[in-house]
Amino acid sequence: MHDSSIFSLIALGGAAIFGLQGALSLAVRHHIVRDHHPLSACNIVALSKESRIANIPVAYGAVIFYGFVLTQLLRGIYLEDIQMFWLNSAMVASLLLTCYYAYVMFFKLRLVCMGCLRIYLANLLMAAALLAYHLY
């Protein structure tokens, strides 16, 4: 593995930790914080019907996604084997969901949730790092 590949994977892990923190924050909003500021943008997003799939908050899926990415990276450290097919597939799915939820937030709900923007930014950074890994 080249130095640029290692730096790309480090950037991927850093972005995954950044996204995980944002996803955990939104997941907590579904249960604890929403009663304190019910009209904040993040809480409106968290309480919207679009923020759930099969009555499960999408933020939970984001936590699982970031956990999966970090698990794959840790697995690569210890076993020197990263399942790139699954990592790439998960990244494509996350980018599609990012585009959909950005559309919902900006055009359907017409508001800006900083927690959501944090997750979108993390996903874009992760995609860029993964692309750099494959190119260099």
N, C-alpha and C. Protein backbone atom coordinates (compact mmCIF):
# COMPACT_ATOMS: atom_id res chain seq x y z
N MET A 1 0.85 -1.17 0.00
CA MET A 1 0.00 0.00 0.00
C MET A 1 0.90 1.23 0.00
N HIS A 2 0.57 2.20 -0.85
CA HIS A 2 1.36 3.43 -0.96
C HIS A 2 0.99 4.41 0.13
N ASP A 3 1.86 5.39 0.34
CA ASP A 3 1.61 6.42 1.35
C ASP A 3 0.31 7.17 1.06
N SER A 4 0.06 7.48 -0.22
CA SER A 4 -1.17 8.22 -0.56
C SER A 4 -2.41 7.38 -0.24
N SER A 5 -2.33 6.07 -0.39
CA SER A 5 -3.45 5.20 -0.04
C SER A 5 -3.70 5.21 1.46
N ILE A 6 -2.64 5.21 2.23
CA ILE A 6 -2.77 5.24 3.69
C ILE A 6 -3.38 6.56 4.13
N PHE A 7 -2.92 7.67 3.54
CA PHE A 7 -3.48 8.98 3.89
C PHE A 7 -4.96 9.06 3.51
N SER A 8 -5.33 8.46 2.38
CA SER A 8 -6.73 8.44 1.97
C SER A 8 -7.58 7.68 2.97
N LEU A 9 -7.07 6.56 3.45
CA LEU A 9 -7.82 5.77 4.44
C LEU A 9 -7.90 6.49 5.79
N ILE A 10 -6.86 7.21 6.15
CA ILE A 10 -6.89 8.01 7.38
C ILE A 10 -7.94 9.11 7.25
N ALA A 11 -7.98 9.77 6.09
CA ALA A 11 -8.98 10.80 5.85
C ALA A 11 -10.39 10.20 5.87
N LEU A 12 -10.53 9.02 5.31
CA LEU A 12 -11.83 8.33 5.33
C LEU A 12 -12.26 8.06 6.77
N GLY A 13 -11.34 7.59 7.60
CA GLY A 13 -11.65 7.33 9.00
C GLY A 13 -11.99 8.59 9.77
N GLY A 14 -11.26 9.66 9.53
CA GLY A 14 -11.54 10.94 10.19
C GLY A 14 -12.91 11.47 9.81
N ALA A 15 -13.25 11.39 8.53
CA ALA A 15 -14.57 11.84 8.09
C ALA A 15 -15.67 10.95 8.67
N ALA A 16 -15.40 9.66 8.80
CA ALA A 16 -16.39 8.75 9.38
C ALA A 16 -16.63 9.07 10.85
N ILE A 17 -15.57 9.42 11.58
CA ILE A 17 -15.74 9.82 12.98
C ILE A 17 -16.53 11.12 13.07
N PHE A 18 -16.24 12.06 12.18
CA PHE A 18 -16.97 13.33 12.11
C PHE A 18 -18.46 13.08 11.84
N GLY A 19 -18.75 12.21 10.89
CA GLY A 19 -20.14 11.89 10.57
C GLY A 19 -20.82 11.12 11.67
N LEU A 20 -20.09 10.21 12.31
CA LEU A 20 -20.67 9.42 13.40
C LEU A 20 -21.13 10.33 14.53
N GLN A 21 -20.34 11.34 14.87
CA GLN A 21 -20.73 12.26 15.93
C GLN A 21 -22.02 12.98 15.55
N GLY A 22 -22.13 13.43 14.31
CA GLY A 22 -23.35 14.11 13.86
C GLY A 22 -24.55 13.18 13.85
N ALA A 23 -24.35 11.95 13.41
CA ALA A 23 -25.45 10.98 13.38
C ALA A 23 -25.91 10.61 14.78
N LEU A 24 -24.97 10.47 15.71
CA LEU A 24 -25.34 10.18 17.09
C LEU A 24 -26.13 11.34 17.69
N SER A 25 -25.73 12.55 17.37
CA SER A 25 -26.45 13.73 17.86
C SER A 25 -27.89 13.74 17.35
N LEU A 26 -28.08 13.46 16.07
CA LEU A 26 -29.44 13.43 15.52
C LEU A 26 -30.24 12.27 16.08
N ALA A 27 -29.59 11.14 16.30
CA ALA A 27 -30.30 9.98 16.88
C ALA A 27 -30.78 10.30 18.28
N VAL A 28 -29.97 10.99 19.05
CA VAL A 28 -30.37 11.37 20.41
C VAL A 28 -31.54 12.35 20.38
N ARG A 29 -31.57 13.23 19.39
CA ARG A 29 -32.66 14.20 19.27
C ARG A 29 -34.02 13.52 19.13
N HIS A 30 -34.05 12.33 18.59
CA HIS A 30 -35.33 11.63 18.43
C HIS A 30 -35.96 11.29 19.78
N HIS A 31 -35.16 11.26 20.83
CA HIS A 31 -35.68 10.80 22.11
C HIS A 31 -35.55 11.79 23.26
N ILE A 32 -34.48 12.56 23.32
CA ILE A 32 -34.21 13.33 24.52
C ILE A 32 -34.42 14.84 24.33
N VAL A 33 -33.77 15.41 23.35
CA VAL A 33 -33.65 16.86 23.25
C VAL A 33 -34.88 17.53 22.63
N ARG A 34 -35.68 16.82 21.89
CA ARG A 34 -36.75 17.45 21.12
C ARG A 34 -37.76 18.19 21.98
N ASP A 35 -37.91 17.85 23.23
CA ASP A 35 -38.85 18.55 24.09
C ASP A 35 -38.32 19.91 24.54
N HIS A 36 -37.02 20.13 24.47
CA HIS A 36 -36.44 21.39 24.93
C HIS A 36 -36.56 22.52 23.91
N HIS A 37 -36.35 22.22 22.65
CA HIS A 37 -36.44 23.23 21.58
C HIS A 37 -37.21 22.63 20.40
N PRO A 38 -38.53 22.45 20.52
CA PRO A 38 -39.28 21.74 19.49
C PRO A 38 -39.30 22.44 18.14
N LEU A 39 -38.99 23.72 18.08
CA LEU A 39 -39.05 24.43 16.81
C LEU A 39 -37.69 24.66 16.17
N SER A 40 -36.63 24.07 16.72
CA SER A 40 -35.32 24.21 16.07
C SER A 40 -35.33 23.41 14.78
N ALA A 41 -34.50 23.82 13.83
CA ALA A 41 -34.46 23.17 12.52
C ALA A 41 -34.13 21.68 12.64
N CYS A 42 -33.16 21.35 13.48
CA CYS A 42 -32.77 19.95 13.64
C CYS A 42 -33.92 19.12 14.22
N ASN A 43 -34.64 19.69 15.16
CA ASN A 43 -35.75 18.95 15.76
C ASN A 43 -36.92 18.81 14.79
N ILE A 44 -37.15 19.82 13.95
CA ILE A 44 -38.20 19.71 12.93
C ILE A 44 -37.85 18.58 11.97
N VAL A 45 -36.59 18.52 11.57
CA VAL A 45 -36.15 17.43 10.69
C VAL A 45 -36.31 16.09 11.40
N ALA A 46 -35.88 16.01 12.65
CA ALA A 46 -35.94 14.76 13.40
C ALA A 46 -37.38 14.29 13.60
N LEU A 47 -38.32 15.21 13.70
CA LEU A 47 -39.71 14.85 13.92
C LEU A 47 -40.51 14.66 12.64
N SER A 48 -39.90 14.97 11.48
CA SER A 48 -40.62 14.84 10.21
C SER A 48 -40.80 13.38 9.83
N LYS A 49 -41.84 13.13 9.05
CA LYS A 49 -42.10 11.74 8.61
C LYS A 49 -41.00 11.24 7.67
N GLU A 50 -40.33 12.15 6.99
CA GLU A 50 -39.24 11.76 6.08
C GLU A 50 -38.01 11.25 6.81
N SER A 51 -37.91 11.55 8.10
CA SER A 51 -36.72 11.14 8.84
C SER A 51 -36.81 9.70 9.34
N ARG A 52 -37.83 8.99 8.91
CA ARG A 52 -38.02 7.60 9.33
C ARG A 52 -38.27 6.70 8.12
N ILE A 53 -37.72 5.50 8.20
CA ILE A 53 -38.01 4.46 7.22
C ILE A 53 -38.51 3.27 8.02
N ALA A 54 -39.73 2.82 7.74
CA ALA A 54 -40.36 1.73 8.48
C ALA A 54 -40.40 2.06 9.98
N ASN A 55 -40.67 3.33 10.28
CA ASN A 55 -40.77 3.84 11.64
C ASN A 55 -39.47 3.77 12.44
N ILE A 56 -38.35 3.64 11.73
CA ILE A 56 -37.02 3.63 12.35
C ILE A 56 -36.31 4.90 11.89
N PRO A 57 -35.80 5.71 12.82
CA PRO A 57 -35.11 6.94 12.42
C PRO A 57 -33.92 6.66 11.49
N VAL A 58 -33.82 7.45 10.43
CA VAL A 58 -32.74 7.31 9.46
C VAL A 58 -31.39 7.55 10.14
N ALA A 59 -31.37 8.38 11.17
CA ALA A 59 -30.11 8.64 11.89
C ALA A 59 -29.53 7.35 12.46
N TYR A 60 -30.36 6.40 12.83
CA TYR A 60 -29.86 5.12 13.32
C TYR A 60 -29.10 4.39 12.21
N GLY A 61 -29.64 4.45 11.00
CA GLY A 61 -28.95 3.85 9.86
C GLY A 61 -27.62 4.51 9.59
N ALA A 62 -27.56 5.84 9.79
CA ALA A 62 -26.30 6.56 9.60
C ALA A 62 -25.27 6.12 10.63
N VAL A 63 -25.70 5.92 11.87
CA VAL A 63 -24.79 5.44 12.91
C VAL A 63 -24.24 4.06 12.52
N ILE A 64 -25.10 3.20 12.02
CA ILE A 64 -24.67 1.86 11.59
C ILE A 64 -23.69 1.97 10.43
N PHE A 65 -23.98 2.85 9.47
CA PHE A 65 -23.11 3.05 8.32
C PHE A 65 -21.71 3.48 8.76
N TYR A 66 -21.64 4.51 9.60
CA TYR A 66 -20.32 4.99 10.05
C TYR A 66 -19.60 3.92 10.88
N GLY A 67 -20.35 3.19 11.67
CA GLY A 67 -19.75 2.09 12.44
C GLY A 67 -19.18 1.02 11.50
N PHE A 68 -19.90 0.74 10.42
CA PHE A 68 -19.43 -0.24 9.43
C PHE A 68 -18.13 0.24 8.79
N VAL A 69 -18.09 1.50 8.38
CA VAL A 69 -16.88 2.04 7.74
C VAL A 69 -15.70 1.96 8.71
N LEU A 70 -15.91 2.39 9.94
CA LEU A 70 -14.81 2.34 10.91
C LEU A 70 -14.39 0.91 11.22
N THR A 71 -15.34 -0.01 11.27
CA THR A 71 -15.01 -1.42 11.48
C THR A 71 -14.16 -1.96 10.35
N GLN A 72 -14.51 -1.61 9.11
CA GLN A 72 -13.73 -2.06 7.96
C GLN A 72 -12.30 -1.51 8.02
N LEU A 73 -12.18 -0.24 8.41
CA LEU A 73 -10.84 0.36 8.50
C LEU A 73 -10.02 -0.28 9.61
N LEU A 74 -10.63 -0.54 10.76
CA LEU A 74 -9.91 -1.22 11.84
C LEU A 74 -9.55 -2.64 11.45
N ARG A 75 -10.44 -3.29 10.74
CA ARG A 75 -10.17 -4.64 10.24
C ARG A 75 -8.95 -4.61 9.32
N GLY A 76 -8.86 -3.56 8.50
CA GLY A 76 -7.73 -3.42 7.59
C GLY A 76 -6.42 -3.22 8.32
N ILE A 77 -6.47 -2.59 9.47
CA ILE A 77 -5.24 -2.38 10.26
C ILE A 77 -4.73 -3.70 10.81
N TYR A 78 -5.64 -4.51 11.34
CA TYR A 78 -5.23 -5.74 12.01
C TYR A 78 -5.11 -6.94 11.07
N LEU A 79 -5.95 -7.02 10.07
CA LEU A 79 -5.91 -8.16 9.16
C LEU A 79 -5.36 -7.83 7.79
N GLU A 80 -5.07 -6.54 7.56
CA GLU A 80 -4.60 -6.07 6.27
C GLU A 80 -5.53 -6.50 5.14
N ASP A 81 -6.84 -6.47 5.44
CA ASP A 81 -7.84 -6.85 4.45
C ASP A 81 -9.06 -5.96 4.63
N ILE A 82 -9.26 -5.06 3.69
CA ILE A 82 -10.44 -4.20 3.71
C ILE A 82 -11.37 -4.68 2.60
N GLN A 83 -12.61 -4.91 2.93
CA GLN A 83 -13.60 -5.36 1.96
C GLN A 83 -14.04 -4.16 1.11
N MET A 84 -13.28 -3.87 0.07
CA MET A 84 -13.52 -2.67 -0.74
C MET A 84 -14.86 -2.73 -1.47
N PHE A 85 -15.30 -3.91 -1.87
CA PHE A 85 -16.59 -4.00 -2.55
C PHE A 85 -17.71 -3.50 -1.65
N TRP A 86 -17.72 -3.96 -0.40
CA TRP A 86 -18.77 -3.55 0.54
C TRP A 86 -18.61 -2.09 0.94
N LEU A 87 -17.40 -1.65 1.09
CA LEU A 87 -17.15 -0.25 1.43
C LEU A 87 -17.60 0.67 0.30
N ASN A 88 -17.27 0.31 -0.93
CA ASN A 88 -17.70 1.10 -2.09
C ASN A 88 -19.22 1.08 -2.24
N SER A 89 -19.82 -0.08 -2.06
CA SER A 89 -21.28 -0.19 -2.18
C SER A 89 -21.99 0.65 -1.13
N ALA A 90 -21.50 0.59 0.09
CA ALA A 90 -22.09 1.39 1.17
C ALA A 90 -21.92 2.88 0.89
N MET A 91 -20.78 3.26 0.32
CA MET A 91 -20.55 4.67 0.01
C MET A 91 -21.48 5.17 -1.09
N VAL A 92 -21.70 4.37 -2.11
CA VAL A 92 -22.64 4.76 -3.17
C VAL A 92 -24.05 4.91 -2.60
N ALA A 93 -24.46 3.98 -1.77
CA ALA A 93 -25.79 4.06 -1.15
C ALA A 93 -25.89 5.31 -0.27
N SER A 94 -24.84 5.61 0.48
CA SER A 94 -24.89 6.80 1.35
C SER A 94 -24.94 8.09 0.53
N LEU A 95 -24.27 8.13 -0.61
CA LEU A 95 -24.33 9.33 -1.45
C LEU A 95 -25.72 9.51 -2.04
N LEU A 96 -26.35 8.42 -2.45
CA LEU A 96 -27.72 8.51 -2.97
C LEU A 96 -28.68 9.00 -1.88
N LEU A 97 -28.55 8.45 -0.68
CA LEU A 97 -29.40 8.90 0.42
C LEU A 97 -29.09 10.34 0.81
N THR A 98 -27.84 10.73 0.75
CA THR A 98 -27.46 12.12 1.05
C THR A 98 -28.15 13.07 0.08
N CYS A 99 -28.12 12.73 -1.21
CA CYS A 99 -28.79 13.58 -2.21
C CYS A 99 -30.29 13.66 -1.95
N TYR A 100 -30.91 12.53 -1.65
CA TYR A 100 -32.35 12.51 -1.39
C TYR A 100 -32.70 13.35 -0.17
N TYR A 101 -31.99 13.14 0.94
CA TYR A 101 -32.32 13.87 2.16
C TYR A 101 -31.94 15.34 2.08
N ALA A 102 -30.93 15.69 1.31
CA ALA A 102 -30.62 17.11 1.08
C ALA A 102 -31.78 17.75 0.32
N TYR A 103 -32.30 17.04 -0.68
CA TYR A 103 -33.46 17.54 -1.42
C TYR A 103 -34.66 17.74 -0.49
N VAL A 104 -34.94 16.75 0.35
CA VAL A 104 -36.06 16.84 1.28
C VAL A 104 -35.87 18.03 2.22
N MET A 105 -34.68 18.17 2.78
CA MET A 105 -34.44 19.24 3.75
C MET A 105 -34.57 20.62 3.10
N PHE A 106 -33.92 20.82 1.95
CA PHE A 106 -33.91 22.14 1.34
C PHE A 106 -35.22 22.50 0.63
N PHE A 107 -35.80 21.54 -0.09
CA PHE A 107 -36.93 21.87 -0.96
C PHE A 107 -38.29 21.46 -0.42
N LYS A 108 -38.34 20.43 0.39
CA LYS A 108 -39.63 20.00 0.93
C LYS A 108 -39.89 20.62 2.30
N LEU A 109 -38.92 20.51 3.20
CA LEU A 109 -39.08 21.09 4.54
C LEU A 109 -38.69 22.57 4.56
N ARG A 110 -37.89 23.00 3.59
CA ARG A 110 -37.45 24.39 3.45
C ARG A 110 -36.78 24.94 4.71
N LEU A 111 -35.80 24.20 5.19
CA LEU A 111 -35.02 24.66 6.32
C LEU A 111 -33.62 24.11 6.24
N VAL A 112 -32.77 24.57 7.14
CA VAL A 112 -31.37 24.13 7.16
C VAL A 112 -31.07 23.58 8.54
N CYS A 113 -30.77 22.29 8.58
CA CYS A 113 -30.40 21.61 9.82
C CYS A 113 -28.88 21.45 9.80
N MET A 114 -28.21 22.07 10.76
CA MET A 114 -26.75 22.01 10.79
C MET A 114 -26.24 20.59 11.04
N GLY A 115 -26.97 19.80 11.81
CA GLY A 115 -26.58 18.40 12.03
C GLY A 115 -26.64 17.60 10.75
N CYS A 116 -27.67 17.85 9.94
CA CYS A 116 -27.78 17.16 8.65
C CYS A 116 -26.66 17.59 7.71
N LEU A 117 -26.39 18.90 7.68
CA LEU A 117 -25.30 19.39 6.83
C LEU A 117 -23.97 18.76 7.22
N ARG A 118 -23.79 18.54 8.51
CA ARG A 118 -22.56 17.90 9.00
C ARG A 118 -22.45 16.49 8.43
N ILE A 119 -23.55 15.75 8.43
CA ILE A 119 -23.55 14.39 7.90
C ILE A 119 -23.32 14.40 6.40
N TYR A 120 -23.96 15.35 5.69
CA TYR A 120 -23.77 15.43 4.24
C TYR A 120 -22.32 15.74 3.92
N LEU A 121 -21.72 16.66 4.67
CA LEU A 121 -20.32 17.00 4.46
C LEU A 121 -19.42 15.80 4.74
N ALA A 122 -19.70 15.08 5.80
CA ALA A 122 -18.91 13.89 6.13
C ALA A 122 -19.00 12.87 4.99
N ASN A 123 -20.19 12.66 4.46
CA ASN A 123 -20.35 11.70 3.36
C ASN A 123 -19.58 12.14 2.12
N LEU A 124 -19.62 13.43 1.81
CA LEU A 124 -18.87 13.92 0.65
C LEU A 124 -17.36 13.79 0.87
N LEU A 125 -16.90 14.10 2.07
CA LEU A 125 -15.48 13.93 2.38
C LEU A 125 -15.05 12.47 2.30
N MET A 126 -15.91 11.58 2.80
CA MET A 126 -15.60 10.15 2.74
C MET A 126 -15.55 9.67 1.29
N ALA A 127 -16.48 10.14 0.47
CA ALA A 127 -16.48 9.74 -0.93
C ALA A 127 -15.21 10.23 -1.63
N ALA A 128 -14.81 11.47 -1.33
CA ALA A 128 -13.59 12.01 -1.93
C ALA A 128 -12.37 11.22 -1.47
N ALA A 129 -12.31 10.85 -0.21
CA ALA A 129 -11.18 10.07 0.30
C ALA A 129 -11.14 8.69 -0.33
N LEU A 130 -12.30 8.09 -0.48
CA LEU A 130 -12.37 6.76 -1.11
C LEU A 130 -11.98 6.82 -2.58
N LEU A 131 -12.41 7.88 -3.25
CA LEU A 131 -12.03 8.07 -4.65
C LEU A 131 -10.52 8.27 -4.76
N ALA A 132 -9.94 9.06 -3.86
CA ALA A 132 -8.49 9.27 -3.87
C ALA A 132 -7.76 7.96 -3.62
N TYR A 133 -8.30 7.12 -2.75
CA TYR A 133 -7.70 5.81 -2.48
C TYR A 133 -7.62 4.99 -3.76
N HIS A 134 -8.68 5.01 -4.55
CA HIS A 134 -8.71 4.22 -5.78
C HIS A 134 -7.85 4.83 -6.89
N LEU A 135 -7.75 6.14 -6.91
CA LEU A 135 -7.00 6.80 -7.99
C LEU A 135 -5.50 6.81 -7.75
N TYR A 136 -5.10 6.87 -6.49
CA TYR A 136 -3.66 7.00 -6.20
C TYR A 136 -3.20 5.79 -5.52
